[in-house]
Every structure is written in C-alpha cells, then in structure tokens.
Amino acid sequence: MLRSATSREALDRDLAQGSIDRISRIALLTDLLDQTYGRLRRRLNGLTDDEFFWQPVADAWTIFEDRPGHWTYDYATPDPDPAPVTTIGWQIVHVATCKLMYHEWAYGPAKLTWPELTIPDSASGAVALLDEGQELLEADLQGLTEDDLDSPRRTNWGEIWPAWRMFTVLIDHDALHGGAIGQMRDLYYWSHGDAASR
C-alpha cells in the first residue's frame, strides 16, 4: 500500500504508452497486492474500538484477554462447521497475524509460532499490526526476480509452495476478509446510533 500510487501510476503510464506489451508476474502480483490491500485498508478508516469489539451475535469469535495483560483470539483447528460469526477485531487480527506468519516462514527465520504473536487489544493496534505485516510482504515481493517466483517456500504448517502461490493466497485472503469487514462495518453502522433511528 505504501507504494501503490507510484506502482499503479507507473504501470498505467507504461501500458498507455505501449512501452510494455506484457506485464511481468512481479508487476502483476505487486499491483494486485496493492489494490486488494488498499481496499481492505480503506475499509478500516475511522474504525473505533466499539466497532472492533462489537459482537453481532452471542458467542461471536473475538479478541479477548485470557490472562492479565495478555490478549488472544478465538481459533480452532480444524475449522468449525458451520463457521462461527467473528468480530471485526477478529477479522483484522486474523489477517494481520497470517501476514506475519507467511512472511516469517517463507522469507524469515521460520521460528515464530502462533502462541508467540503479540495480539493487539485495540483497533489502532490491530491496524498497525496489519500495516506491519503488509510492509514485510511488499518488501519480500520486491526482493524477488521472475525466476524467484517459482522457488519453493515454506509454510508454517509444513507444506512447501512456490513463492507466487504465497502471494496469490494472501491477495485472495485480503479480498475475502476485506469484504467481510466492509459488511460488518455496514451492519454496525445501520444497527447503531443515528442510522438505526432512521
């Protein structure tokens, strides 16, 4: 997201001028990563802690303090069926921590585990963690060549994927959860305050 305007403008200019007739996979992934994250990030503008913790139904999965000063979030393996309703906070923290773990295992030292992650206890903290994870992934992608996209990379659950798959999964992940967050924010808006009294 930090490069999105520059990357997008340069790509659009090159395409308009006909100076490129094919887009590289790196450029395509960079553009998609920027677009999906930019849309997700815009959906978080003005997010309050009330929205972050709002539970639209009883027993929604959320962020919570499990012991003094330590925060975590609901999770289960395998995924429950049917899937539980989650809070906006859960959605943001889930996306942020996944970004950190994909980076850690594909491009970092591959030592960090889920219990070692510091879970934020506020909307602003979660958005900062999300931005941190995105910046790491953007740097990972920008450090690659076209050939590197086919190189094997580790996942935190033990599978080996080509590098390009790491990025396509995370692009899809941002789109999926960004849509869920947008819907939840709309629901919160229309069920609270002035909007609900209309």
C-alpha atoms as a PDB file:
ATOM      1  CA  MET A   1       0.000   0.000   0.000  1.00  0.00           C
ATOM      2  CA  LEU A   2       2.868   2.338   0.660  1.00  0.00           C
ATOM      3  CA  ARG A   3       3.956   2.132  -2.986  1.00  0.00           C
ATOM      4  CA  SER A   4       0.516   1.726  -4.543  1.00  0.00           C
ATOM      5  CA  ALA A   5       0.172   5.169  -6.109  1.00  0.00           C
ATOM      6  CA  THR A   6       3.665   5.105  -7.590  1.00  0.00           C
ATOM      7  CA  SER A   7       3.467   1.473  -8.758  1.00  0.00           C
ATOM      8  CA  ARG A   8      -0.007   1.852 -10.205  1.00  0.00           C
ATOM      9  CA  GLU A   9       0.785   5.155 -11.930  1.00  0.00           C
ATOM     10  CA  ALA A  10       3.959   3.742 -13.477  1.00  0.00           C
ATOM     11  CA  LEU A  11       2.153   0.619 -14.671  1.00  0.00           C
ATOM     12  CA  ASP A  12      -0.746   2.622 -16.115  1.00  0.00           C
ATOM     13  CA  ARG A  13       1.673   5.018 -17.856  1.00  0.00           C
ATOM     14  CA  ASP A  14       3.706   2.193 -19.385  1.00  0.00           C
ATOM     15  CA  LEU A  15       0.585   0.413 -20.607  1.00  0.00           C
ATOM     16  CA  ALA A  16      -0.897   3.628 -22.064  1.00  0.00           C
ATOM     17  CA  GLN A  17       2.333   4.490 -23.870  1.00  0.00           C
ATOM     18  CA  GLY A  18       2.619   0.989 -25.250  1.00  0.00           C
ATOM     19  CA  SER A  19       6.076   0.681 -23.722  1.00  0.00           C
ATOM     20  CA  ILE A  20       5.188  -2.749 -22.410  1.00  0.00           C
ATOM     21  CA  ASP A  21       3.168  -5.343 -24.205  1.00  0.00           C
ATOM     22  CA  ARG A  22       3.288  -7.884 -21.407  1.00  0.00           C
ATOM     23  CA  ILE A  23       3.218  -7.398 -17.699  1.00  0.00           C
ATOM     24  CA  SER A  24       5.663  -9.342 -15.569  1.00  0.00           C
ATOM     25  CA  ARG A  25       4.360 -11.632 -12.868  1.00  0.00           C
ATOM     26  CA  ILE A  26       6.136  -9.457 -10.277  1.00  0.00           C
ATOM     27  CA  ALA A  27       4.359  -6.338 -11.580  1.00  0.00           C
ATOM     28  CA  LEU A  28       1.013  -8.144 -11.697  1.00  0.00           C
ATOM     29  CA  LEU A  29       1.346  -9.519  -8.161  1.00  0.00           C
ATOM     30  CA  THR A  30       2.537  -6.139  -6.886  1.00  0.00           C
ATOM     31  CA  ASP A  31      -0.450  -4.399  -8.445  1.00  0.00           C
ATOM     32  CA  LEU A  32      -2.944  -6.961  -7.112  1.00  0.00           C
ATOM     33  CA  LEU A  33      -1.355  -6.955  -3.662  1.00  0.00           C
ATOM     34  CA  ASP A  34      -1.539  -3.149  -3.568  1.00  0.00           C
ATOM     35  CA  GLN A  35      -5.124  -2.993  -4.851  1.00  0.00           C
ATOM     36  CA  THR A  36      -6.597  -5.597  -2.532  1.00  0.00           C
ATOM     37  CA  TYR A  37      -4.734  -4.305   0.494  1.00  0.00           C
ATOM     38  CA  GLY A  38      -5.607  -0.715  -0.361  1.00  0.00           C
ATOM     39  CA  ARG A  39      -9.298  -1.621  -0.497  1.00  0.00           C
ATOM     40  CA  LEU A  40      -9.069  -3.521   2.792  1.00  0.00           C
ATOM     41  CA  ARG A  41      -7.166  -0.685   4.450  1.00  0.00           C
ATOM     42  CA  ARG A  42      -9.666   1.966   3.302  1.00  0.00           C
ATOM     43  CA  ARG A  43     -12.443  -0.085   4.898  1.00  0.00           C
ATOM     44  CA  LEU A  44     -10.692   0.450   8.240  1.00  0.00           C
ATOM     45  CA  ASN A  45     -10.621   4.258   8.114  1.00  0.00           C
ATOM     46  CA  GLY A  46     -12.179   5.697  11.273  1.00  0.00           C
ATOM     47  CA  LEU A  47     -12.583   2.293  12.948  1.00  0.00           C
ATOM     48  CA  THR A  48     -13.426   2.654  16.638  1.00  0.00           C
ATOM     49  CA  ASP A  49     -12.780   0.245  19.477  1.00  0.00           C
ATOM     50  CA  ASP A  50     -16.563  -0.132  19.858  1.00  0.00           C
ATOM     51  CA  GLU A  51     -16.766  -1.439  16.280  1.00  0.00           C
ATOM     52  CA  PHE A  52     -13.612  -3.517  16.730  1.00  0.00           C
ATOM     53  CA  PHE A  53     -15.083  -5.442  19.684  1.00  0.00           C
ATOM     54  CA  TRP A  54     -18.757  -5.385  18.623  1.00  0.00           C
ATOM     55  CA  GLN A  55     -20.318  -8.854  18.676  1.00  0.00           C
ATOM     56  CA  PRO A  56     -23.180  -9.039  16.160  1.00  0.00           C
ATOM     57  CA  VAL A  57     -24.362 -12.325  17.723  1.00  0.00           C
ATOM     58  CA  ALA A  58     -23.800 -14.019  21.057  1.00  0.00           C
ATOM     59  CA  ASP A  59     -20.577 -16.004  21.301  1.00  0.00           C
ATOM     60  CA  ALA A  60     -19.021 -14.456  18.204  1.00  0.00           C
ATOM     61  CA  TRP A  61     -15.322 -15.180  17.919  1.00  0.00           C
ATOM     62  CA  THR A  62     -13.371 -12.154  19.085  1.00  0.00           C
ATOM     63  CA  ILE A  63     -10.230 -10.737  20.680  1.00  0.00           C
ATOM     64  CA  PHE A  64     -10.071 -11.239  24.441  1.00  0.00           C
ATOM     65  CA  GLU A  65      -7.767 -11.015  27.435  1.00  0.00           C
ATOM     66  CA  ASP A  66      -7.077 -14.587  28.550  1.00  0.00           C
ATOM     67  CA  ARG A  67      -4.854 -13.527  31.472  1.00  0.00           C
ATOM     68  CA  PRO A  68      -3.866 -10.127  32.831  1.00  0.00           C
ATOM     69  CA  GLY A  69      -2.080  -8.142  30.146  1.00  0.00           C
ATOM     70  CA  HIS A  70      -2.177 -10.937  27.530  1.00  0.00           C
ATOM     71  CA  TRP A  71      -4.606 -10.875  24.631  1.00  0.00           C
ATOM     72  CA  THR A  72      -5.535 -13.652  22.231  1.00  0.00           C
ATOM     73  CA  TYR A  73      -8.300 -14.507  19.828  1.00  0.00           C
ATOM     74  CA  ASP A  74     -10.673 -17.411  19.312  1.00  0.00           C
ATOM     75  CA  TYR A  75      -9.477 -20.110  16.930  1.00  0.00           C
ATOM     76  CA  ALA A  76      -9.942 -23.833  16.400  1.00  0.00           C
ATOM     77  CA  THR A  77      -8.313 -26.497  14.265  1.00  0.00           C
ATOM     78  CA  PRO A  78      -9.916 -27.920  12.243  1.00  0.00           C
ATOM     79  CA  ASP A  79     -12.212 -25.086  11.220  1.00  0.00           C
ATOM     80  CA  PRO A  80     -15.640 -25.439  12.853  1.00  0.00           C
ATOM     81  CA  ASP A  81     -18.594 -26.301  10.646  1.00  0.00           C
ATOM     82  CA  PRO A  82     -20.562 -24.147  10.434  1.00  0.00           C
ATOM     83  CA  ALA A  83     -18.024 -21.360  10.727  1.00  0.00           C
ATOM     84  CA  PRO A  84     -18.626 -19.024  13.684  1.00  0.00           C
ATOM     85  CA  VAL A  85     -19.527 -15.381  13.270  1.00  0.00           C
ATOM     86  CA  THR A  86     -16.499 -13.225  14.016  1.00  0.00           C
ATOM     87  CA  THR A  87     -15.988  -9.658  15.155  1.00  0.00           C
ATOM     88  CA  ILE A  88     -14.284  -7.004  13.065  1.00  0.00           C
ATOM     89  CA  GLY A  89     -11.407  -7.218  15.533  1.00  0.00           C
ATOM     90  CA  TRP A  90     -11.080 -10.946  14.960  1.00  0.00           C
ATOM     91  CA  GLN A  91     -11.028 -10.428  11.193  1.00  0.00           C
ATOM     92  CA  ILE A  92      -8.300  -7.774  11.332  1.00  0.00           C
ATOM     93  CA  VAL A  93      -6.098  -9.663  13.778  1.00  0.00           C
ATOM     94  CA  HIS A  94      -6.508 -12.868  11.774  1.00  0.00           C
ATOM     95  CA  VAL A  95      -5.390 -11.183   8.544  1.00  0.00           C
ATOM     96  CA  ALA A  96      -2.521  -9.359  10.286  1.00  0.00           C
ATOM     97  CA  THR A  97      -1.138 -12.442  12.024  1.00  0.00           C
ATOM     98  CA  CYS A  98      -1.412 -14.529   8.853  1.00  0.00           C
ATOM     99  CA  LYS A  99       0.687 -11.934   7.024  1.00  0.00           C
ATOM    100  CA  LEU A 100       3.315 -12.097   9.762  1.00  0.00           C
ATOM    101  CA  MET A 101       3.397 -15.895   9.743  1.00  0.00           C
ATOM    102  CA  TYR A 102       3.567 -16.214   5.940  1.00  0.00           C
ATOM    103  CA  HIS A 103       6.478 -13.759   5.923  1.00  0.00           C
ATOM    104  CA  GLU A 104       8.208 -15.474   8.860  1.00  0.00           C
ATOM    105  CA  TRP A 105       8.097 -18.942   7.347  1.00  0.00           C
ATOM    106  CA  ALA A 106       8.604 -18.118   3.671  1.00  0.00           C
ATOM    107  CA  TYR A 107      11.213 -15.354   3.997  1.00  0.00           C
ATOM    108  CA  GLY A 108      12.209 -15.112   7.646  1.00  0.00           C
ATOM    109  CA  PRO A 109      13.921 -17.434  10.119  1.00  0.00           C
ATOM    110  CA  ALA A 110      10.879 -19.777  10.330  1.00  0.00           C
ATOM    111  CA  LYS A 111      10.861 -19.882  14.125  1.00  0.00           C
ATOM    112  CA  LEU A 112       7.861 -17.801  15.204  1.00  0.00           C
ATOM    113  CA  THR A 113       4.811 -19.753  16.394  1.00  0.00           C
ATOM    114  CA  TRP A 114       1.199 -18.624  16.825  1.00  0.00           C
ATOM    115  CA  PRO A 115       1.350 -18.506  20.649  1.00  0.00           C
ATOM    116  CA  GLU A 116       4.359 -16.164  20.456  1.00  0.00           C
ATOM    117  CA  LEU A 117       2.466 -13.496  18.498  1.00  0.00           C
ATOM    118  CA  THR A 118       1.507 -10.358  20.386  1.00  0.00           C
ATOM    119  CA  ILE A 119      -2.211  -9.786  19.855  1.00  0.00           C
ATOM    120  CA  PRO A 120      -3.273  -6.130  19.986  1.00  0.00           C
ATOM    121  CA  ASP A 121      -6.087  -5.020  22.282  1.00  0.00           C
ATOM    122  CA  SER A 122      -7.391  -2.080  20.241  1.00  0.00           C
ATOM    123  CA  ALA A 123      -8.464  -1.115  16.754  1.00  0.00           C
ATOM    124  CA  SER A 124      -5.438   1.144  16.280  1.00  0.00           C
ATOM    125  CA  GLY A 125      -3.053  -1.567  17.486  1.00  0.00           C
ATOM    126  CA  ALA A 126      -4.577  -4.152  15.150  1.00  0.00           C
ATOM    127  CA  VAL A 127      -4.397  -1.800  12.160  1.00  0.00           C
ATOM    128  CA  ALA A 128      -0.735  -1.065  12.981  1.00  0.00           C
ATOM    129  CA  LEU A 129      -0.024  -4.822  13.085  1.00  0.00           C
ATOM    130  CA  LEU A 130      -1.823  -5.243   9.761  1.00  0.00           C
ATOM    131  CA  ASP A 131       0.304  -2.489   8.204  1.00  0.00           C
ATOM    132  CA  GLU A 132       3.472  -4.096   9.588  1.00  0.00           C
ATOM    133  CA  GLY A 133       2.598  -7.444   8.041  1.00  0.00           C
ATOM    134  CA  GLN A 134       1.794  -5.829   4.696  1.00  0.00           C
ATOM    135  CA  GLU A 135       5.068  -3.901   4.629  1.00  0.00           C
ATOM    136  CA  LEU A 136       7.010  -7.128   5.231  1.00  0.00           C
ATOM    137  CA  LEU A 137       5.228  -8.901   2.368  1.00  0.00           C
ATOM    138  CA  GLU A 138       5.683  -5.958  -0.003  1.00  0.00           C
ATOM    139  CA  ALA A 139       9.418  -5.996   0.742  1.00  0.00           C
ATOM    140  CA  ASP A 140       9.510  -9.778   0.217  1.00  0.00           C
ATOM    141  CA  LEU A 141       7.863  -9.460  -3.200  1.00  0.00           C
ATOM    142  CA  GLN A 142      10.017  -6.524  -4.294  1.00  0.00           C
ATOM    143  CA  GLY A 143      13.135  -8.521  -3.457  1.00  0.00           C
ATOM    144  CA  LEU A 144      12.240 -11.261  -5.942  1.00  0.00           C
ATOM    145  CA  THR A 145      13.002 -11.855  -9.600  1.00  0.00           C
ATOM    146  CA  GLU A 146      10.649 -13.539 -12.045  1.00  0.00           C
ATOM    147  CA  ASP A 147      12.534 -16.817 -11.585  1.00  0.00           C
ATOM    148  CA  ASP A 148      12.318 -16.495  -7.786  1.00  0.00           C
ATOM    149  CA  LEU A 149       8.518 -16.701  -8.030  1.00  0.00           C
ATOM    150  CA  ASP A 150       8.868 -20.398  -8.842  1.00  0.00           C
ATOM    151  CA  SER A 151      11.256 -21.137  -5.978  1.00  0.00           C
ATOM    152  CA  PRO A 152       9.988 -23.281  -3.093  1.00  0.00           C
ATOM    153  CA  ARG A 153       8.920 -21.536   0.107  1.00  0.00           C
ATOM    154  CA  ARG A 154       7.926 -22.926   3.489  1.00  0.00           C
ATOM    155  CA  THR A 155       4.555 -22.532   5.152  1.00  0.00           C
ATOM    156  CA  ASN A 156       4.098 -22.553   8.915  1.00  0.00           C
ATOM    157  CA  TRP A 157       2.136 -25.818   8.684  1.00  0.00           C
ATOM    158  CA  GLY A 158       4.908 -27.689   6.860  1.00  0.00           C
ATOM    159  CA  GLU A 159       3.920 -27.566   3.187  1.00  0.00           C
ATOM    160  CA  ILE A 160       6.230 -26.232   0.509  1.00  0.00           C
ATOM    161  CA  TRP A 161       4.686 -23.861  -2.039  1.00  0.00           C
ATOM    162  CA  PRO A 162       6.106 -21.886  -4.949  1.00  0.00           C
ATOM    163  CA  ALA A 163       6.651 -18.266  -3.949  1.00  0.00           C
ATOM    164  CA  TRP A 164       3.967 -16.988  -6.340  1.00  0.00           C
ATOM    165  CA  ARG A 165       1.337 -19.059  -4.502  1.00  0.00           C
ATOM    166  CA  MET A 166       2.152 -17.378  -1.195  1.00  0.00           C
ATOM    167  CA  PHE A 167       1.245 -14.030  -2.704  1.00  0.00           C
ATOM    168  CA  THR A 168      -1.878 -15.177  -4.582  1.00  0.00           C
ATOM    169  CA  VAL A 169      -3.232 -16.774  -1.401  1.00  0.00           C
ATOM    170  CA  LEU A 170      -2.603 -13.596   0.582  1.00  0.00           C
ATOM    171  CA  ILE A 171      -4.200 -11.429  -2.118  1.00  0.00           C
ATOM    172  CA  ASP A 172      -7.292 -13.641  -2.000  1.00  0.00           C
ATOM    173  CA  HIS A 173      -7.193 -13.563   1.811  1.00  0.00           C
ATOM    174  CA  ASP A 174      -7.225  -9.747   1.855  1.00  0.00           C
ATOM    175  CA  ALA A 175     -10.134  -9.677  -0.595  1.00  0.00           C
ATOM    176  CA  LEU A 176     -12.153 -12.233   1.384  1.00  0.00           C
ATOM    177  CA  HIS A 177     -11.685 -10.654   4.798  1.00  0.00           C
ATOM    178  CA  GLY A 178     -11.870  -7.103   3.453  1.00  0.00           C
ATOM    179  CA  GLY A 179     -15.349  -7.904   2.137  1.00  0.00           C
ATOM    180  CA  ALA A 180     -16.367  -9.408   5.470  1.00  0.00           C
ATOM    181  CA  ILE A 181     -15.056  -6.368   7.345  1.00  0.00           C
ATOM    182  CA  GLY A 182     -16.887  -3.997   4.993  1.00  0.00           C
ATOM    183  CA  GLN A 183     -20.143  -5.871   5.510  1.00  0.00           C
ATOM    184  CA  MET A 184     -19.680  -5.923   9.292  1.00  0.00           C
ATOM    185  CA  ARG A 185     -18.979  -2.181   9.375  1.00  0.00           C
ATOM    186  CA  ASP A 186     -22.130  -1.541   7.330  1.00  0.00           C
ATOM    187  CA  LEU A 187     -24.138  -3.738   9.684  1.00  0.00           C
ATOM    188  CA  TYR A 188     -22.707  -1.929  12.700  1.00  0.00           C
ATOM    189  CA  TYR A 189     -23.499   1.462  11.164  1.00  0.00           C
ATOM    190  CA  TRP A 190     -27.090   0.550  10.293  1.00  0.00           C
ATOM    191  CA  SER A 191     -27.797  -1.057  13.655  1.00  0.00           C
ATOM    192  CA  HIS A 192     -26.293   1.658  15.902  1.00  0.00           C
ATOM    193  CA  GLY A 193     -26.738   5.341  16.570  1.00  0.00           C
ATOM    194  CA  ASP A 194     -28.360   7.757  14.155  1.00  0.00           C
ATOM    195  CA  ALA A 195     -28.550   5.260  11.297  1.00  0.00           C
ATOM    196  CA  ALA A 196     -30.701   2.871  13.342  1.00  0.00           C
ATOM    197  CA  SER A 197     -33.207   5.629  14.173  1.00  0.00           C
ATOM    198  CA  ARG A 198     -33.933   6.492  10.527  1.00  0.00           C
END
